[in-house]
Protein backbone atom coordinates (compact mmCIF):
# COMPACT_ATOMS: atom_id res chain seq x y z
CA MET A 1 75.78 25.96 -51.22
CA THR A 2 74.34 23.99 -48.34
CA ILE A 3 72.73 25.61 -45.29
CA LYS A 4 75.68 24.51 -43.16
CA ALA A 5 78.11 26.12 -45.58
CA ARG A 6 76.10 29.33 -45.58
CA LEU A 7 76.08 29.43 -41.77
CA THR A 8 79.83 28.83 -41.71
CA ALA A 9 80.37 31.68 -44.17
CA LEU A 10 78.15 33.96 -42.08
CA ARG A 11 80.05 32.98 -38.93
CA ASN A 12 83.37 33.75 -40.58
CA THR A 13 82.07 37.10 -41.80
CA TRP A 14 81.01 38.12 -38.30
CA LEU A 15 84.32 36.91 -36.82
CA GLN A 16 86.68 38.36 -39.40
CA PRO A 17 89.01 41.09 -38.12
CA ILE A 18 88.35 44.73 -38.92
CA PRO A 19 90.17 47.92 -37.87
CA ILE A 20 89.09 49.21 -34.48
CA GLY A 21 88.76 52.82 -35.68
CA ALA A 22 84.97 52.71 -36.13
CA LEU A 23 84.47 51.53 -32.54
CA VAL A 24 86.78 54.25 -31.23
CA PHE A 25 84.79 56.83 -33.20
CA ALA A 26 81.50 55.44 -31.83
CA ARG A 27 82.83 55.57 -28.27
CA ILE A 28 84.07 59.15 -28.51
CA ALA A 29 80.98 60.42 -30.37
CA PHE A 30 78.59 58.73 -27.94
CA GLY A 31 80.42 60.06 -24.88
CA LEU A 32 80.66 63.64 -26.15
CA ILE A 33 77.04 63.79 -27.34
CA MET A 34 75.79 62.49 -23.99
CA LEU A 35 78.02 64.94 -22.13
CA TRP A 36 76.42 67.70 -24.20
CA GLU A 37 72.94 66.37 -23.37
CA VAL A 38 73.67 66.35 -19.64
CA GLU A 39 74.90 69.94 -19.95
CA ARG A 40 71.66 70.87 -21.71
CA TYR A 41 69.63 69.38 -18.86
CA PHE A 42 71.38 71.61 -16.36
CA THR A 43 71.34 74.69 -18.62
CA TYR A 44 67.57 74.47 -19.18
CA GLU A 45 66.90 73.39 -15.58
CA ARG A 46 65.28 70.17 -16.77
CA VAL A 47 66.62 68.10 -13.89
CA ALA A 48 64.54 70.14 -11.46
CA ARG A 49 61.54 70.66 -13.76
CA TYR A 50 61.26 67.01 -14.79
CA TYR A 51 62.36 65.03 -11.75
CA ILE A 52 62.44 67.20 -8.61
CA ASP A 53 59.57 69.70 -8.80
CA PRO A 54 56.72 67.34 -9.89
CA ILE A 55 54.77 65.71 -7.08
CA PHE A 56 53.64 62.89 -9.36
CA HIS A 57 55.46 60.90 -12.04
CA PHE A 58 53.90 58.74 -14.76
CA HIS A 59 55.43 55.33 -14.26
CA TYR A 60 55.63 52.60 -16.90
CA THR A 61 53.75 49.35 -16.43
CA GLY A 62 55.74 47.19 -14.03
CA PHE A 63 58.02 50.02 -12.91
CA HIS A 64 55.81 51.87 -10.43
CA TRP A 65 58.39 51.06 -7.74
CA LEU A 66 60.98 53.28 -9.42
CA GLN A 67 60.95 56.77 -7.91
CA PRO A 68 63.21 59.82 -8.23
CA LEU A 69 65.82 60.18 -5.51
CA PRO A 70 64.81 62.66 -2.80
CA GLY A 71 66.37 66.06 -2.26
CA ASP A 72 69.24 66.77 -4.61
CA GLY A 73 69.63 63.10 -5.43
CA MET A 74 68.61 63.59 -9.06
CA VAL A 75 71.15 66.39 -9.43
CA ALA A 76 73.80 63.93 -8.26
CA VAL A 77 72.54 61.35 -10.78
CA PHE A 78 72.94 63.75 -13.69
CA LEU A 79 76.33 64.96 -12.47
CA LEU A 80 77.45 61.33 -12.37
CA LEU A 81 76.01 60.76 -15.86
CA GLY A 82 78.07 63.70 -17.09
CA MET A 83 81.26 62.34 -15.55
CA LEU A 84 80.57 58.88 -16.94
CA SER A 85 79.97 60.35 -20.41
CA LEU A 86 83.35 62.04 -20.30
CA ALA A 87 84.99 58.83 -19.07
CA ILE A 88 83.40 56.91 -21.96
CA ALA A 89 84.68 59.42 -24.51
CA LEU A 90 88.19 59.20 -23.04
CA GLY A 91 88.06 55.42 -22.72
CA ALA A 92 88.75 55.68 -18.99
CA PHE A 93 87.67 52.65 -16.96
CA TYR A 94 85.50 51.99 -19.98
CA ARG A 95 83.68 48.79 -19.02
CA LEU A 96 82.71 50.13 -15.62
CA SER A 97 81.83 53.55 -17.02
CA ILE A 98 79.57 52.32 -19.83
CA ALA A 99 77.84 49.74 -17.60
CA ALA A 100 77.20 52.34 -14.88
CA PHE A 101 75.99 54.81 -17.52
CA TRP A 102 73.52 52.25 -18.88
CA VAL A 103 72.10 51.52 -15.41
CA LEU A 104 71.76 55.19 -14.44
CA PHE A 105 70.43 56.41 -17.77
CA THR A 106 67.87 53.60 -18.01
CA TYR A 107 66.78 54.42 -14.46
CA VAL A 108 66.18 58.04 -15.48
CA PHE A 109 64.44 56.93 -18.68
CA LEU A 110 61.97 54.78 -16.72
CA LEU A 111 61.11 57.41 -14.10
CA ASP A 112 58.44 59.30 -16.03
CA ALA A 113 56.63 58.38 -19.25
CA ALA A 114 55.91 62.08 -19.79
CA GLN A 115 59.59 62.45 -20.70
CA TYR A 116 59.61 59.61 -23.25
CA LEU A 117 61.76 60.32 -26.29
CA ASN A 118 62.72 57.85 -28.99
CA HIS A 119 66.35 58.92 -28.87
CA PHE A 120 66.47 58.36 -25.11
CA TYR A 121 65.27 54.82 -25.76
CA LEU A 122 68.00 54.54 -28.39
CA VAL A 123 70.62 55.78 -25.91
CA SER A 124 69.58 53.10 -23.42
CA LEU A 125 69.80 50.35 -26.06
CA LEU A 126 73.06 51.62 -27.47
CA SER A 127 74.76 51.92 -24.09
CA PHE A 128 73.74 48.32 -23.34
CA LEU A 129 75.32 47.11 -26.58
CA MET A 130 78.49 49.09 -25.99
CA ILE A 131 79.09 47.23 -22.72
CA TRP A 132 80.09 44.21 -24.82
CA VAL A 133 82.14 46.12 -27.40
CA PRO A 134 85.94 46.50 -26.87
CA ALA A 135 85.90 50.16 -27.86
CA ASN A 136 88.67 50.97 -25.37
CA ARG A 137 91.39 48.85 -26.96
CA ALA A 138 92.90 51.83 -28.80
CA PHE A 139 93.20 55.60 -28.29
CA SER A 140 92.01 55.34 -24.70
CA VAL A 141 93.09 56.12 -21.17
CA ASP A 142 92.69 52.43 -20.39
CA VAL A 143 95.44 51.53 -22.87
CA TRP A 144 97.63 54.36 -21.60
CA LEU A 145 97.23 53.12 -18.00
CA GLY A 146 97.74 49.50 -19.02
CA ILE A 147 94.24 48.49 -17.92
CA ALA A 148 93.39 47.25 -21.42
CA GLU A 149 95.66 45.62 -23.98
CA LYS A 150 96.06 47.64 -27.13
CA LYS A 151 94.51 46.00 -30.20
CA MET A 152 94.09 47.51 -33.64
CA LEU A 153 91.84 44.70 -34.89
CA VAL A 154 88.50 43.56 -33.48
CA PRO A 155 85.89 40.99 -34.56
CA ALA A 156 83.51 42.40 -37.16
CA TRP A 157 80.44 41.58 -35.05
CA THR A 158 81.39 44.33 -32.60
CA LEU A 159 80.68 46.87 -35.33
CA TYR A 160 77.83 44.98 -36.97
CA ILE A 161 75.66 44.98 -33.84
CA LEU A 162 75.85 48.78 -33.72
CA ARG A 163 74.98 48.95 -37.42
CA LEU A 164 72.12 46.54 -36.86
CA GLN A 165 70.70 48.67 -34.06
CA MET A 166 70.70 51.85 -36.13
CA GLY A 167 69.48 49.94 -39.17
CA MET A 168 66.42 48.81 -37.21
CA VAL A 169 65.75 52.40 -36.13
CA TYR A 170 65.66 53.44 -39.78
CA PHE A 171 63.81 50.41 -41.13
CA PHE A 172 61.06 50.23 -38.52
CA GLY A 173 60.79 54.01 -38.63
CA GLY A 174 59.96 53.57 -42.31
CA ILE A 175 57.49 50.77 -41.61
CA ALA A 176 55.73 52.99 -39.07
CA LYS A 177 55.36 55.71 -41.71
CA MET A 178 53.28 53.39 -43.88
CA ASN A 179 50.02 54.67 -42.44
CA PRO A 180 47.19 56.69 -44.02
CA ASP A 181 47.99 59.92 -42.20
CA TRP A 182 51.67 60.02 -43.17
CA LEU A 183 50.91 59.04 -46.77
CA SER A 184 48.36 61.88 -46.85
CA GLY A 185 50.96 64.40 -45.75
CA GLU A 186 50.01 64.71 -42.09
CA PRO A 187 51.23 65.85 -39.66
CA LEU A 188 53.99 67.40 -41.81
CA ARG A 189 51.46 69.60 -43.61
CA THR A 190 50.61 71.23 -40.29
CA TRP A 191 54.20 71.52 -39.07
CA LEU A 192 55.64 72.81 -42.34
CA GLY A 193 52.87 75.37 -42.63
CA ALA A 194 54.02 76.83 -39.33
CA ARG A 195 57.64 77.16 -40.52
CA THR A 196 57.36 79.40 -43.59
CA ASP A 197 60.10 81.50 -41.97
CA PHE A 198 62.63 78.72 -42.61
CA PRO A 199 65.60 80.08 -44.63
CA LEU A 200 65.68 79.60 -48.41
CA ILE A 201 62.89 77.03 -48.76
CA GLY A 202 60.31 78.07 -46.15
CA HIS A 203 58.16 79.86 -48.75
CA LEU A 204 57.63 76.49 -50.45
CA PHE A 205 56.22 74.77 -47.38
CA THR A 206 52.65 75.89 -48.09
CA GLU A 207 52.69 74.44 -51.61
CA ASP A 208 50.34 71.48 -52.02
CA TRP A 209 53.18 69.16 -53.00
CA ALA A 210 55.52 70.08 -50.14
CA PRO A 211 54.18 67.78 -47.39
CA TYR A 212 54.13 64.85 -49.83
CA VAL A 213 57.77 65.41 -50.81
CA PHE A 214 58.82 65.43 -47.16
CA SER A 215 56.55 62.52 -46.18
CA TYR A 216 57.44 60.15 -49.00
CA GLY A 217 61.07 61.28 -49.01
CA GLY A 218 61.39 60.50 -45.31
CA LEU A 219 59.74 57.12 -45.75
CA LEU A 220 62.02 56.09 -48.62
CA LEU A 221 65.11 57.34 -46.80
CA ASP A 222 64.27 55.29 -43.72
CA LEU A 223 63.73 52.12 -45.72
CA LEU A 224 66.68 52.43 -48.10
CA ILE A 225 69.44 54.39 -46.39
CA ALA A 226 71.20 51.41 -44.79
CA PRO A 227 71.64 49.39 -48.02
CA LEU A 228 72.50 52.55 -49.97
CA LEU A 229 75.32 53.29 -47.53
CA LEU A 230 76.63 49.73 -47.72
CA TRP A 231 76.65 49.70 -51.56
CA ARG A 232 79.82 51.31 -52.87
CA ARG A 233 78.21 52.98 -55.90
CA THR A 234 75.61 54.89 -53.87
CA ARG A 235 77.60 55.37 -50.66
CA LEU A 236 78.75 58.97 -51.01
CA SER A 237 75.47 60.33 -52.39
CA ALA A 238 73.54 58.48 -49.67
CA LEU A 239 75.88 59.88 -47.02
CA LEU A 240 75.34 63.46 -48.21
CA LEU A 241 71.59 62.86 -48.38
CA VAL A 242 71.25 61.48 -44.86
CA ILE A 243 73.45 64.19 -43.35
CA GLY A 244 71.37 66.85 -45.10
CA PHE A 245 68.21 65.14 -43.87
CA HIS A 246 69.26 65.16 -40.23
CA VAL A 247 70.69 68.69 -40.31
CA THR A 248 67.44 69.97 -41.83
CA ASN A 249 65.42 68.19 -39.16
CA SER A 250 67.59 69.72 -36.45
CA GLN A 251 66.69 73.19 -37.71
CA LEU A 252 63.04 72.52 -38.48
CA PHE A 253 62.06 70.70 -35.32
CA ASN A 254 63.03 70.79 -31.67
CA ILE A 255 64.39 67.24 -31.41
CA GLY A 256 67.49 67.75 -29.28
CA ILE A 257 70.45 65.44 -29.79
CA PHE A 258 68.65 62.97 -32.06
CA PRO A 259 69.91 64.31 -35.43
CA TRP A 260 73.52 64.39 -34.24
CA MET A 261 73.34 60.97 -32.61
CA SER A 262 71.80 59.63 -35.83
CA ILE A 263 74.55 61.12 -38.00
CA ALA A 264 77.24 59.61 -35.78
CA LEU A 265 75.64 56.16 -35.84
CA THR A 266 74.93 56.34 -39.56
CA LEU A 267 78.62 56.95 -40.26
CA LEU A 268 79.27 53.47 -38.86
CA PHE A 269 77.83 52.05 -42.11
CA LEU A 270 80.90 53.33 -43.93
CA PRO A 271 83.76 50.85 -44.53
CA PRO A 272 85.67 50.32 -41.27
CA GLU A 273 88.93 51.04 -43.11
CA TRP A 274 87.79 54.66 -43.47
CA PHE A 275 88.16 55.10 -39.71
CA SER A 276 91.62 53.52 -39.53
CA ILE A 277 94.57 55.82 -38.91
CA ARG A 278 97.15 53.10 -39.38
CA LYS A 279 97.26 50.83 -42.40
CA VAL A 280 96.29 47.25 -41.66
CA HIS A 281 98.57 44.68 -43.28
CA HIS A 282 96.94 42.11 -45.52
CA GLU A 283 98.13 39.15 -43.47
CA GLN A 284 96.39 40.60 -40.41
CA THR A 285 93.03 40.53 -42.19
CA LEU A 286 93.37 36.77 -42.70
CA ILE A 287 92.93 36.17 -38.98
CA VAL A 288 89.58 34.75 -37.87
CA PHE A 289 88.62 35.20 -34.23
CA ASN A 290 87.52 32.08 -32.37
CA ILE A 291 84.32 31.69 -30.37
CA GLY A 292 84.77 30.67 -26.76
CA ARG A 293 82.14 29.57 -24.28
CA GLN A 294 81.66 33.10 -22.96
CA GLN A 295 81.24 34.49 -26.45
CA LYS A 296 78.64 31.84 -27.26
CA LEU A 297 76.64 32.98 -24.22
CA LEU A 298 77.10 36.58 -25.30
CA PHE A 299 75.79 35.78 -28.78
CA VAL A 300 72.71 34.17 -27.22
CA ILE A 301 72.11 37.34 -25.18
CA LEU A 302 72.60 39.60 -28.19
CA GLY A 303 70.42 37.33 -30.31
CA GLY A 304 67.57 37.62 -27.81
CA PHE A 305 68.13 41.36 -27.63
CA SER A 306 67.91 41.65 -31.44
CA LEU A 307 64.77 39.51 -31.57
CA MET A 308 63.13 41.83 -29.05
CA GLN A 309 64.08 44.78 -31.25
CA VAL A 310 62.25 43.13 -34.14
CA LEU A 311 59.11 42.10 -32.24
CA LEU A 312 58.47 45.30 -30.28
CA PRO A 313 58.09 47.57 -33.34
CA LEU A 314 55.66 45.11 -34.92
CA ARG A 315 53.36 44.58 -31.95
CA HIS A 316 50.98 47.40 -32.85
CA PHE A 317 49.90 45.43 -35.95
CA PHE A 318 48.36 42.87 -33.58
CA MET A 319 46.50 45.43 -31.47
CA PRO A 320 43.11 46.92 -32.30
CA GLY A 321 42.88 50.54 -33.33
CA TYR A 322 45.25 53.09 -34.81
CA ALA A 323 48.44 53.26 -32.73
CA SER A 324 48.86 57.01 -33.17
CA TRP A 325 45.40 57.42 -31.63
CA THR A 326 45.30 54.74 -28.93
CA GLU A 327 49.07 54.91 -28.20
CA GLU A 328 49.04 51.11 -27.80
CA GLY A 329 52.24 49.84 -29.37
CA HIS A 330 53.45 53.37 -30.07
CA ASN A 331 56.41 53.52 -27.69
CA LEU A 332 59.54 51.40 -28.16
CA ALA A 333 58.64 51.03 -31.84
CA TRP A 334 60.38 53.95 -33.60
CA HIS A 335 57.15 55.81 -34.31
CA MET A 336 58.89 59.12 -34.88
CA ARG A 337 57.08 62.39 -35.65
CA LEU A 338 53.94 60.55 -36.74
CA ARG A 339 51.30 62.37 -34.75
CA ASP A 340 50.27 65.84 -33.73
CA LYS A 341 47.72 65.85 -30.94
CA GLU A 342 45.93 68.83 -29.47
CA GLY A 343 43.05 68.87 -27.06
CA ASP A 344 41.66 69.48 -23.63
CA ILE A 345 41.05 67.16 -20.72
CA ARG A 346 38.99 67.48 -17.55
CA PHE A 347 38.84 65.12 -14.61
CA PHE A 348 35.72 64.58 -12.49
CA ALA A 349 35.22 62.84 -9.17
CA SER A 350 31.79 61.42 -8.35
CA ASP A 351 30.50 60.19 -5.02
CA PRO A 352 29.01 56.75 -5.77
CA MET A 353 26.47 57.17 -2.96
CA SER A 354 25.12 60.68 -3.56
CA GLY A 355 25.99 61.06 -7.23
CA GLU A 356 27.54 64.45 -6.51
CA THR A 357 30.14 65.30 -9.13
CA ARG A 358 32.86 67.91 -9.03
CA GLU A 359 35.73 68.84 -11.29
CA ILE A 360 39.32 68.12 -10.29
CA SER A 361 42.03 70.66 -11.03
CA ALA A 362 44.75 68.57 -12.67
CA SER A 363 47.11 71.55 -12.61
CA ASP A 364 47.31 71.18 -8.82
CA TYR A 365 49.15 67.89 -9.35
CA LEU A 366 50.92 68.10 -12.72
CA THR A 367 53.43 70.39 -14.36
CA ASP A 368 52.47 72.07 -17.63
CA ARG A 369 54.63 69.62 -19.60
CA GLN A 370 53.13 66.60 -17.86
CA PHE A 371 49.62 67.89 -18.49
CA GLU A 372 50.26 68.54 -22.18
CA GLN A 373 51.86 65.12 -22.66
CA MET A 374 48.98 63.39 -20.88
CA ILE A 375 46.11 64.83 -22.94
CA GLY A 376 46.61 62.53 -25.92
CA ARG A 377 47.99 59.46 -24.13
CA PRO A 378 45.34 57.24 -22.53
CA GLU A 379 47.74 55.16 -20.43
CA MET A 380 48.97 58.32 -18.73
CA VAL A 381 45.40 59.47 -18.11
CA LEU A 382 44.65 56.14 -16.44
CA ARG A 383 47.72 56.30 -14.20
CA PHE A 384 46.90 59.82 -13.10
CA ALA A 385 43.32 58.74 -12.34
CA HIS A 386 44.70 55.90 -10.21
CA TYR A 387 46.91 58.39 -8.38
CA LEU A 388 43.91 60.63 -7.65
CA ALA A 389 41.86 57.67 -6.44
CA ALA A 390 44.68 56.57 -4.15
CA THR A 391 45.28 60.00 -2.60
CA ASP A 392 42.79 62.86 -2.35
CA TYR A 393 39.79 61.09 -3.88
CA GLN A 394 39.68 57.72 -2.18
CA GLY A 395 36.39 55.92 -2.65
CA MET A 396 35.37 58.25 -5.48
CA GLN A 397 34.68 57.40 -9.10
CA ILE A 398 37.08 59.13 -11.50
CA ARG A 399 35.91 59.97 -15.00
CA VAL A 400 37.41 62.15 -17.69
CA TRP A 401 36.32 64.26 -20.61
CA ASP A 402 39.25 64.08 -23.03
CA MET A 403 38.61 65.78 -26.38
CA VAL A 404 41.54 65.33 -28.75
CA SER A 405 42.38 66.26 -32.32
CA LEU A 406 44.80 63.97 -34.18
CA ASN A 407 46.74 65.32 -37.16
CA ALA A 408 44.41 68.25 -37.90
CA ARG A 409 41.23 66.18 -37.59
CA ALA A 410 38.15 67.58 -35.92
CA PRO A 411 38.28 66.84 -32.18
CA GLN A 412 36.61 63.79 -30.70
CA LEU A 413 36.65 61.98 -27.40
CA LEU A 414 39.65 59.77 -26.77
CA ILE A 415 38.44 58.01 -23.61
CA ASP A 416 34.97 56.73 -22.78
CA PRO A 417 33.74 59.27 -20.19
CA THR A 418 31.30 56.79 -18.68
CA VAL A 419 34.11 54.52 -17.46
CA ASP A 420 35.28 54.77 -13.87
CA LEU A 421 39.04 54.93 -14.36
CA ALA A 422 39.64 54.49 -10.63
CA THR A 423 38.62 50.83 -10.95
CA THR A 424 40.03 50.24 -14.45
CA PRO A 425 43.10 47.98 -14.31
CA ASP A 426 46.46 49.28 -15.51
CA ASP A 427 47.94 46.28 -17.29
CA LEU A 428 49.14 45.12 -20.68
CA GLY A 429 45.67 44.04 -21.78
CA ILE A 430 43.68 45.69 -24.56
CA ALA A 431 42.18 48.97 -23.32
CA ASP A 432 38.54 48.79 -24.41
CA TRP A 433 37.89 52.09 -22.60
CA ILE A 434 39.75 53.94 -25.37
CA LEU A 435 37.20 55.11 -27.94
CA PRO A 436 37.90 54.28 -31.61
CA LEU A 437 39.04 57.01 -33.97
CA VAL A 438 36.04 58.01 -36.08
CA GLN A 439 36.93 61.47 -37.33
CA PRO A 440 38.14 61.46 -40.94
CA LEU A 441 41.45 63.01 -41.85
CA ALA A 442 41.31 66.62 -43.03
CA VAL A 443 37.57 66.46 -43.68
CA GLU A 444 35.10 68.86 -42.15
CA ASN A 445 32.35 67.47 -39.96
CA ALA A 446 29.23 66.36 -41.74
CA GLU A 447 26.74 69.17 -42.33
CA GLY A 448 23.37 69.17 -40.64
CA VAL A 449 24.51 67.97 -37.22
CA PRO A 450 23.38 70.67 -34.79
CA ALA A 451 25.06 71.46 -31.54
CA ILE A 452 21.97 71.00 -29.43
CA LEU A 453 18.35 70.07 -30.12
CA PHE A 454 15.40 71.36 -28.13
CA ASN A 455 12.01 69.91 -27.35
CA ARG A 456 9.12 71.32 -29.36
CA HIS A 457 6.39 70.79 -26.83
CA SER A 458 7.29 72.44 -23.56
CA ASP A 459 8.36 75.81 -22.24
CA ASP A 460 10.22 74.08 -19.44
CA ILE A 461 13.73 73.53 -20.64
CA LEU A 462 15.71 70.46 -19.78
CA LEU A 463 19.08 70.37 -21.44
CA PHE A 464 20.61 67.00 -22.21
CA ILE A 465 24.16 66.95 -23.49
CA ASN A 466 25.78 63.70 -24.47
CA ILE A 467 28.86 63.44 -22.26
CA THR A 468 30.77 61.56 -24.91
CA GLU A 469 31.10 64.79 -26.85
CA GLN A 470 30.81 67.77 -24.49
CA PRO A 471 32.32 68.86 -21.17
CA PHE A 472 30.42 68.16 -18.00
CA LEU A 473 29.84 71.76 -16.98
CA LEU A 474 28.57 74.56 -19.23
CA ASP A 475 27.46 78.07 -18.40
CA HIS A 476 26.09 81.22 -20.01
CA LEU A 477 23.92 79.52 -22.60
CA LEU A 478 21.69 81.74 -24.72
CA LEU A 479 18.75 80.36 -26.70
CA ASP A 480 17.56 82.00 -29.91
CA ASP A 481 14.50 80.82 -31.86
CA GLY A 482 14.87 83.44 -34.59
CA ASN A 483 12.31 85.83 -33.16
CA ARG A 484 13.49 86.45 -29.63
CA SER A 485 16.39 85.66 -27.37
CA HIS A 486 15.86 83.91 -24.10
CA PRO A 487 17.79 84.99 -21.00
CA PRO A 488 21.09 83.23 -20.32
CA ILE A 489 20.74 79.97 -18.45
CA SER A 490 23.20 78.95 -15.76
CA PHE A 491 23.71 75.29 -15.00
CA ASP A 492 25.21 74.68 -11.61
CA THR A 493 24.49 70.98 -11.22
CA ALA A 494 25.78 68.04 -13.22
CA THR A 495 24.48 64.55 -12.57
CA LEU A 496 25.55 61.28 -14.09
CA HIS A 497 22.45 59.39 -15.05
CA PRO A 498 22.41 55.61 -14.47
CA GLU A 499 22.03 55.07 -18.22
CA ASN A 500 25.45 56.60 -18.85
CA CYS A 501 24.09 59.94 -19.94
CA MET A 502 24.35 63.25 -18.18
CA VAL A 503 21.74 65.87 -17.45
CA LEU A 504 22.52 69.49 -16.74
CA HIS A 505 19.56 71.11 -15.08
CA THR A 506 18.23 74.42 -13.82
CA ALA A 507 15.48 75.39 -11.45
CA GLN A 508 12.93 75.13 -14.27
CA ALA A 509 13.42 71.43 -14.79
CA ASP A 510 13.75 68.39 -12.61
CA TRP A 511 15.62 65.42 -13.98
CA GLU A 512 14.55 63.01 -11.25
CA ASN A 513 11.42 61.92 -13.12
CA PHE A 514 13.02 61.90 -16.50
CA SER A 515 14.90 59.19 -18.35
CA PRO A 516 17.25 60.60 -21.01
CA ILE A 517 17.28 59.26 -24.51
CA CYS A 518 20.47 57.27 -25.03
CA ASN A 519 21.59 54.42 -27.15
CA GLU A 520 23.92 51.68 -25.89
CA ALA A 521 27.03 53.81 -26.30
CA GLY A 522 25.49 56.90 -24.75
CA ARG A 523 25.07 58.54 -28.15
CA TYR A 524 22.01 59.52 -30.11
CA LEU A 525 21.59 61.10 -33.51
CA MET A 526 18.71 63.39 -34.48
CA PRO A 527 18.28 65.42 -37.68
CA ASP A 528 18.65 69.17 -37.32
CA GLY A 529 15.09 69.69 -38.53
CA LEU A 530 13.87 68.85 -35.03
CA ALA A 531 15.67 71.81 -33.49
CA ASP A 532 13.59 74.87 -32.58
CA TYR A 533 16.46 76.99 -31.26
CA ALA A 534 19.98 77.96 -32.02
CA LEU A 535 22.44 77.87 -29.15
CA TRP A 536 24.96 80.53 -28.15
CA LEU A 537 27.75 79.92 -25.67
CA ASN A 538 29.76 82.89 -24.39
CA ASP A 539 28.54 85.06 -27.30
CA GLU A 540 29.60 82.50 -29.88
CA LYS A 541 27.05 80.60 -31.91
CA LEU A 542 27.52 76.84 -31.83
CA GLU A 543 26.94 75.83 -35.42
CA GLU A 544 28.17 72.29 -34.99
CA CYS A 545 29.06 69.89 -32.27
CA ASP A 546 32.42 68.70 -33.61
CA GLY A 547 30.93 65.37 -34.56
CA ALA A 548 28.82 65.29 -31.42
CA THR A 549 25.17 64.57 -30.91
CA CYS A 550 23.48 66.69 -28.30
CA ILE A 551 19.79 66.63 -27.41
CA ILE A 552 17.42 68.78 -25.45
CA VAL A 553 14.17 67.25 -24.25
CA ALA A 554 11.52 68.10 -21.70
CA PRO A 555 10.52 66.03 -18.63
CA ASP A 556 7.63 64.54 -20.50
CA LYS A 557 7.19 60.77 -20.59
CA ASP A 558 5.51 61.01 -23.98
CA ASN A 559 8.45 62.83 -25.53
């Protein structure tokens, strides 16, 4: 068969008539699920907590001009979204309702990156596609009012584009799972271990094999579920499997409407005849819809849309670093449940003239949810730093200490703390201020790396702590050389040294005449045999430095 013949056959396949029942089901399911989601936002007071109460919102690149409506404007937006959802389900003024829903929902989606959810991205994409689908031509208010002509057959492409969208969610979700962490059972090992109370099977979650069964099972399901549903011999077993998968996820994890939206969209892979209430006569199926000029333009638009859906999930392969760590290429790519990040972050403002440094209380500006979401996402840290530099800390240098653990690894710094984020551009370029992931997965830190090393030659104590591994301000340090304990030392001054190191000093030591030992990256490694003292912080002995290198030296040029 020639290429032209193949293209003609493909064209005829996409234009052949199918029963409209699947589109009607998609319309009703989408509308009712979104109505439920709007109700949840009001029930849990998320409209106020996410969009009204915060004084700062994390914009997306290029969308800083989008802001929440003042006063009760956001309440009105969600009320309108609820009414539009109901109208979509009923097929009332469908074209206007679905188009208005897409505009409003996408507006809400773009307001704050702290509220990013993969299924919200899916809702935005799906509502855009449904604008072009004649899902109101049967069982709708529009037909009852005479606004739309009743039709029981529609071109097959109207269903196929919805299948294609959900198929890409599954497929690229599977591609994203092909990473070392997921194949090693993380983060599912951590999450399953916390859910041993799960009915019937929870006691198995701590077995060594459990995270691998869930990890590899999820990967294979994502990659294979679409073809298994389309193949008649495996259709029913695949359907039961995917429904069980999503129902289990809904009970194991707090993922909102995503399992139910996924089940509804997955059902669209079933034969369209299964959704048909009325029998379609054979002669009707011989009709082939024609392509007019408007439809050709529509196919160009949908083709570009589909190409974007292929390229966006693959872009992280062309970016340096691990996407779950750097977050570059993570969003809009169906990276679902791939990372578990925990950590702590502190912001510091420094006067470039005097060198005076003080800590900024991020909680004065952010909600708890915003703060937690920001800790492991460098682009959000940068945007908050820009906000600080543009408001209360104009003319100041903004640096951060952001210690993060990824998928049960030992913590390490995520962002270079020597970089002034106030002057760092927020663009689509590669962020070289994000530190590479160096901590191994599920491996303890190397032995023999002490928390802090002390100088052998002087009674005057000058404490140098590498700022790439430790917070800027420490207090209540107790030194112990094995024979006697030294009084606690309080450090009330923190100074950024020109060589990108930091010195904490007391009255016994003066850093002015001292140049700290640093390598090019502000790190230095010394064997623990050089340490004369153990270090205690708040009555807890610091055996290790979590992968850090910390040095104590004296203000001695010969040292």
